[in-house]
Amino acid sequence: MYAGRLIRVQFEQALDILSDMYHPLLSRYAHDSDAPHTTIPPTPAAGGLLSRKHLFHLPLPISPLDEVTMKLLSTFLLYSMITLSTMFSSHLPELEQASAYLAECGNFSAWIQKCSDLPYEYRDSLCTRAYSALSKSLEADASPSPSLSIKFYSLRCLLPTSSSVIKPDTFWDQARKFSAVCMKAARDDETGTVKKILSESSRLITEVQGRADKDSFLTGSSFLKFCDYLSKIASQVFTLVPTYMLYH
């Protein structure tokens, strides 16, 4: 128990350091601070998950970056996600809002795509580490809705990887597993849970279409099984299955 408390203190200290770095990092490059979700946040109050949720997002650059700056900013986002993910289980009352911010405003994948001049091994490592940290950040009994948002965001973090890093079947099997766990945990709001799964799945399928090897992702047997699963759960709560969400 003492060791657990010590680790939490260390992560809190790491978050303090990351928060202190945020504004100086923004001054290193040109960005559009007036675009949606890119306004510079006020200095956060000490402690808490919501007060630090802005660390999930860095404004995208409006001019080319040098290699050192690309590495610095992309690594900053990775360590922000890793460190914030350690707070999820101990800040459950804040998890709904924090996960919603991550899903809507988190821009890790966009940054990796902006850093296309970096070696692909480096970028692939960032993506897989982000996926690992987020996908394993919550216990099985966590609230299903925010847990699903976080786990589907972890899958979105894999999308900028090279074609050899993730297998389409493994990717969609994991998406189906995350969805099934969420459905199993749903109690009084099955309809809301299904809508949440369909919404997250639609966004994931849309973003997969940005990959160069999208055809291999959208034609395999595991993708079809995933779509069949979505159709099955949708038919439980909808008279007419919203197929436009399934095969977006």
Protein backbone atom coordinates (compact mmCIF):
# COMPACT_ATOMS: atom_id res chain seq x y z
CA MET A 1 0.00 0.00 0.00
CA TYR A 2 2.84 2.38 0.82
CA ALA A 3 4.47 1.61 -2.52
CA GLY A 4 1.19 2.38 -4.30
CA ARG A 5 0.93 5.74 -2.56
CA LEU A 6 4.53 6.54 -3.42
CA ILE A 7 3.93 5.78 -7.10
CA ARG A 8 0.84 8.05 -7.11
CA VAL A 9 2.88 10.86 -5.56
CA GLN A 10 5.53 10.41 -8.25
CA PHE A 11 2.93 10.60 -11.01
CA GLU A 12 1.40 13.69 -9.39
CA GLN A 13 4.84 15.29 -9.45
CA ALA A 14 5.27 14.29 -13.09
CA LEU A 15 1.94 15.95 -13.91
CA ASP A 16 3.06 19.12 -12.17
CA ILE A 17 6.17 19.15 -14.36
CA LEU A 18 4.15 18.51 -17.53
CA SER A 19 1.74 21.30 -16.59
CA ASP A 20 4.65 23.68 -16.06
CA MET A 21 6.04 22.73 -19.48
CA TYR A 22 2.79 23.34 -21.37
CA HIS A 23 2.97 27.10 -21.89
CA PRO A 24 6.70 27.19 -22.71
CA LEU A 25 6.13 24.48 -25.32
CA LEU A 26 3.40 26.53 -26.98
CA SER A 27 5.86 29.40 -27.33
CA ARG A 28 8.27 27.21 -29.34
CA TYR A 29 6.16 27.07 -32.50
CA ALA A 30 3.51 28.95 -34.48
CA HIS A 31 -0.04 27.69 -34.03
CA ASP A 32 -3.57 28.94 -34.54
CA SER A 33 -4.77 29.75 -31.04
CA ASP A 34 -8.17 30.92 -32.35
CA ALA A 35 -9.11 27.57 -33.92
CA PRO A 36 -11.55 25.26 -32.06
CA HIS A 37 -9.97 23.50 -29.08
CA THR A 38 -6.66 25.34 -29.48
CA THR A 39 -7.10 28.20 -27.03
CA ILE A 40 -4.38 28.27 -24.40
CA PRO A 41 -5.93 27.17 -21.10
CA PRO A 42 -5.43 29.03 -17.85
CA THR A 43 -2.87 27.64 -15.45
CA PRO A 44 -4.66 24.66 -13.84
CA ALA A 45 -5.38 24.42 -10.17
CA ALA A 46 -3.26 21.92 -8.29
CA GLY A 47 -4.47 18.32 -8.33
CA GLY A 48 -7.40 16.71 -10.04
CA LEU A 49 -7.91 15.16 -13.45
CA LEU A 50 -10.13 17.82 -15.02
CA SER A 51 -7.72 20.61 -14.12
CA ARG A 52 -5.09 18.87 -16.26
CA LYS A 53 -7.18 17.50 -19.12
CA HIS A 54 -5.77 20.16 -21.47
CA LEU A 55 -2.55 18.12 -21.50
CA PHE A 56 -4.33 15.73 -23.90
CA HIS A 57 -4.22 18.46 -26.55
CA LEU A 58 -1.57 20.62 -28.19
CA PRO A 59 -2.51 23.12 -30.91
CA LEU A 60 -1.38 21.93 -34.32
CA PRO A 61 1.38 23.93 -36.03
CA ILE A 62 0.66 26.29 -38.91
CA SER A 63 4.21 26.11 -40.28
CA PRO A 64 6.81 23.31 -40.66
CA LEU A 65 8.64 22.14 -37.55
CA ASP A 66 12.24 21.07 -37.16
CA GLU A 67 12.97 17.50 -36.08
CA VAL A 68 13.89 18.40 -32.51
CA THR A 69 10.62 20.27 -31.98
CA MET A 70 8.60 17.45 -33.56
CA LYS A 71 10.16 14.93 -31.20
CA LEU A 72 9.72 17.19 -28.21
CA LEU A 73 6.03 17.89 -28.80
CA SER A 74 5.00 14.37 -29.81
CA THR A 75 6.84 12.90 -26.82
CA PHE A 76 5.21 15.47 -24.55
CA LEU A 77 1.76 14.35 -25.69
CA LEU A 78 2.66 10.71 -25.18
CA TYR A 79 3.91 11.22 -21.63
CA SER A 80 0.92 13.41 -20.83
CA MET A 81 -1.42 10.57 -21.82
CA ILE A 82 0.62 7.96 -19.97
CA THR A 83 0.74 10.02 -16.80
CA LEU A 84 -2.89 11.17 -16.91
CA SER A 85 -4.03 7.59 -17.52
CA THR A 86 -2.60 6.61 -14.12
CA MET A 87 -5.14 8.98 -12.52
CA PHE A 88 -8.24 7.50 -14.15
CA SER A 89 -9.03 4.87 -11.51
CA SER A 90 -8.42 7.24 -8.59
CA HIS A 91 -10.53 10.08 -10.06
CA LEU A 92 -13.66 8.24 -11.17
CA PRO A 93 -16.09 11.16 -10.49
CA GLU A 94 -14.14 13.21 -13.07
CA LEU A 95 -13.74 10.40 -15.58
CA GLU A 96 -16.86 11.08 -17.65
CA GLN A 97 -15.84 14.66 -18.47
CA ALA A 98 -12.16 13.82 -18.87
CA SER A 99 -12.86 10.94 -21.27
CA ALA A 100 -15.23 13.12 -23.30
CA TYR A 101 -12.51 15.77 -23.62
CA LEU A 102 -9.97 13.14 -24.65
CA ALA A 103 -12.30 11.70 -27.31
CA GLU A 104 -13.27 15.09 -28.75
CA CYS A 105 -10.15 17.22 -28.27
CA GLY A 106 -7.27 14.79 -27.92
CA ASN A 107 -5.13 15.15 -31.04
CA PHE A 108 -2.30 12.67 -30.58
CA SER A 109 -2.91 10.99 -33.97
CA ALA A 110 -3.03 14.34 -35.75
CA TRP A 111 0.35 15.22 -34.24
CA ILE A 112 1.89 11.91 -35.31
CA GLN A 113 0.69 12.59 -38.86
CA LYS A 114 2.22 16.08 -38.69
CA CYS A 115 5.50 14.46 -37.67
CA SER A 116 5.75 12.39 -40.85
CA ASP A 117 9.40 13.43 -41.31
CA LEU A 118 10.39 11.51 -38.19
CA PRO A 119 11.60 7.90 -38.62
CA TYR A 120 8.64 5.56 -38.89
CA GLU A 121 10.06 3.34 -36.11
CA TYR A 122 9.96 6.32 -33.76
CA ARG A 123 6.39 7.21 -34.69
CA ASP A 124 5.24 3.59 -34.44
CA SER A 125 6.74 3.34 -30.96
CA LEU A 126 4.87 6.45 -29.80
CA CYS A 127 1.58 5.07 -31.12
CA THR A 128 1.88 1.61 -29.61
CA ARG A 129 2.93 3.02 -26.24
CA ALA A 130 -0.05 5.38 -26.23
CA TYR A 131 -2.38 2.50 -27.06
CA SER A 132 -0.92 0.31 -24.34
CA ALA A 133 -1.18 2.98 -21.63
CA LEU A 134 -4.77 3.98 -22.41
CA SER A 135 -6.20 0.53 -23.12
CA LYS A 136 -4.93 -0.83 -19.80
CA SER A 137 -5.68 2.24 -17.69
CA LEU A 138 -8.99 1.14 -16.15
CA GLU A 139 -10.22 -1.81 -14.13
CA ALA A 140 -12.89 -4.08 -15.60
CA ASP A 141 -15.56 -2.66 -13.27
CA ALA A 142 -15.03 0.97 -14.40
CA SER A 143 -18.03 2.94 -15.65
CA PRO A 144 -18.73 1.57 -19.15
CA SER A 145 -19.29 4.82 -21.05
CA PRO A 146 -16.03 6.66 -20.22
CA SER A 147 -14.12 3.38 -20.35
CA LEU A 148 -15.35 2.77 -23.91
CA SER A 149 -14.37 6.30 -24.99
CA ILE A 150 -10.86 5.86 -23.61
CA LYS A 151 -10.35 2.40 -25.11
CA PHE A 152 -11.65 3.41 -28.53
CA TYR A 153 -9.39 6.46 -28.40
CA SER A 154 -6.51 4.07 -27.71
CA LEU A 155 -7.37 2.26 -30.96
CA ARG A 156 -7.42 5.60 -32.80
CA CYS A 157 -3.87 6.18 -31.51
CA LEU A 158 -2.78 3.15 -33.55
CA LEU A 159 -4.06 4.48 -36.86
CA PRO A 160 -0.95 6.50 -37.86
CA THR A 161 1.28 3.40 -37.55
CA SER A 162 3.02 1.70 -40.46
CA SER A 163 1.13 -1.02 -42.30
CA SER A 164 3.18 -3.82 -40.70
CA VAL A 165 2.52 -2.78 -37.08
CA ILE A 166 -1.12 -3.75 -36.56
CA LYS A 167 -3.05 -6.55 -38.19
CA PRO A 168 -6.59 -5.63 -39.27
CA ASP A 169 -8.09 -8.76 -37.69
CA THR A 170 -6.44 -8.04 -34.34
CA PHE A 171 -7.56 -4.40 -34.52
CA TRP A 172 -11.24 -5.21 -35.11
CA ASP A 173 -11.24 -8.12 -32.65
CA GLN A 174 -10.10 -5.68 -30.00
CA ALA A 175 -12.79 -3.16 -30.96
CA ARG A 176 -15.41 -5.91 -30.67
CA LYS A 177 -14.00 -7.00 -27.30
CA PHE A 178 -14.09 -3.43 -25.94
CA SER A 179 -17.70 -3.07 -27.12
CA ALA A 180 -18.78 -6.40 -25.64
CA VAL A 181 -17.27 -5.53 -22.25
CA CYS A 182 -19.13 -2.22 -22.32
CA MET A 183 -22.44 -3.95 -23.17
CA LYS A 184 -21.96 -6.49 -20.41
CA ALA A 185 -21.37 -3.71 -17.87
CA ALA A 186 -24.46 -1.76 -19.01
CA ARG A 187 -27.28 -2.09 -16.52
CA ASP A 188 -30.14 0.39 -16.64
CA ASP A 189 -29.32 2.20 -19.89
CA GLU A 190 -28.89 -0.39 -22.62
CA THR A 191 -30.16 2.01 -25.29
CA GLY A 192 -27.68 4.71 -24.28
CA THR A 193 -24.86 2.18 -24.22
CA VAL A 194 -25.68 0.91 -27.71
CA LYS A 195 -25.81 4.47 -29.02
CA LYS A 196 -22.42 5.13 -27.43
CA ILE A 197 -20.89 2.03 -29.02
CA LEU A 198 -22.34 2.89 -32.43
CA SER A 199 -21.09 6.47 -32.20
CA GLU A 200 -17.55 5.46 -31.20
CA SER A 201 -17.51 2.73 -33.85
CA SER A 202 -18.64 5.12 -36.57
CA ARG A 203 -15.84 7.54 -35.69
CA LEU A 204 -13.28 4.73 -35.64
CA ILE A 205 -14.37 3.38 -39.03
CA THR A 206 -14.24 6.89 -40.49
CA GLU A 207 -10.68 7.45 -39.24
CA VAL A 208 -9.54 4.04 -40.50
CA GLN A 209 -10.42 5.26 -43.99
CA GLY A 210 -7.51 7.68 -43.70
CA ARG A 211 -4.97 4.84 -43.73
CA ALA A 212 -3.14 4.00 -46.95
CA ASP A 213 -4.02 0.33 -46.44
CA LYS A 214 -7.68 1.01 -45.62
CA ASP A 215 -8.93 -1.67 -48.03
CA SER A 216 -7.31 -4.44 -46.01
CA PHE A 217 -8.93 -3.02 -42.85
CA LEU A 218 -12.44 -2.66 -44.29
CA THR A 219 -12.78 -5.96 -46.13
CA GLY A 220 -11.46 -8.64 -43.76
CA SER A 221 -13.46 -11.22 -41.84
CA SER A 222 -12.91 -9.57 -38.45
CA PHE A 223 -14.24 -6.25 -39.73
CA LEU A 224 -17.37 -7.99 -41.01
CA LYS A 225 -17.76 -9.76 -37.65
CA PHE A 226 -17.46 -6.40 -35.92
CA CYS A 227 -20.15 -4.91 -38.17
CA ASP A 228 -22.37 -7.95 -37.56
CA TYR A 229 -21.91 -7.45 -33.83
CA LEU A 230 -22.91 -3.79 -34.13
CA SER A 231 -25.96 -4.78 -36.15
CA LYS A 232 -26.92 -7.35 -33.52
CA ILE A 233 -26.77 -4.99 -30.55
CA ALA A 234 -28.45 -2.21 -32.53
CA SER A 235 -31.36 -4.49 -33.39
CA GLN A 236 -31.94 -5.04 -29.67
CA VAL A 237 -32.88 -1.42 -29.07
CA PHE A 238 -33.81 0.01 -32.50
CA THR A 239 -36.75 -1.00 -34.65
CA LEU A 240 -34.74 0.09 -37.67
CA VAL A 241 -31.00 -0.58 -37.47
CA PRO A 242 -29.05 2.61 -38.33
CA THR A 243 -26.87 0.98 -40.96
CA TYR A 244 -25.40 4.33 -41.97
CA MET A 245 -23.57 4.27 -38.64
CA LEU A 246 -22.32 0.74 -39.15
CA TYR A 247 -20.88 1.02 -42.62
CA HIS A 248 -19.96 4.71 -42.64
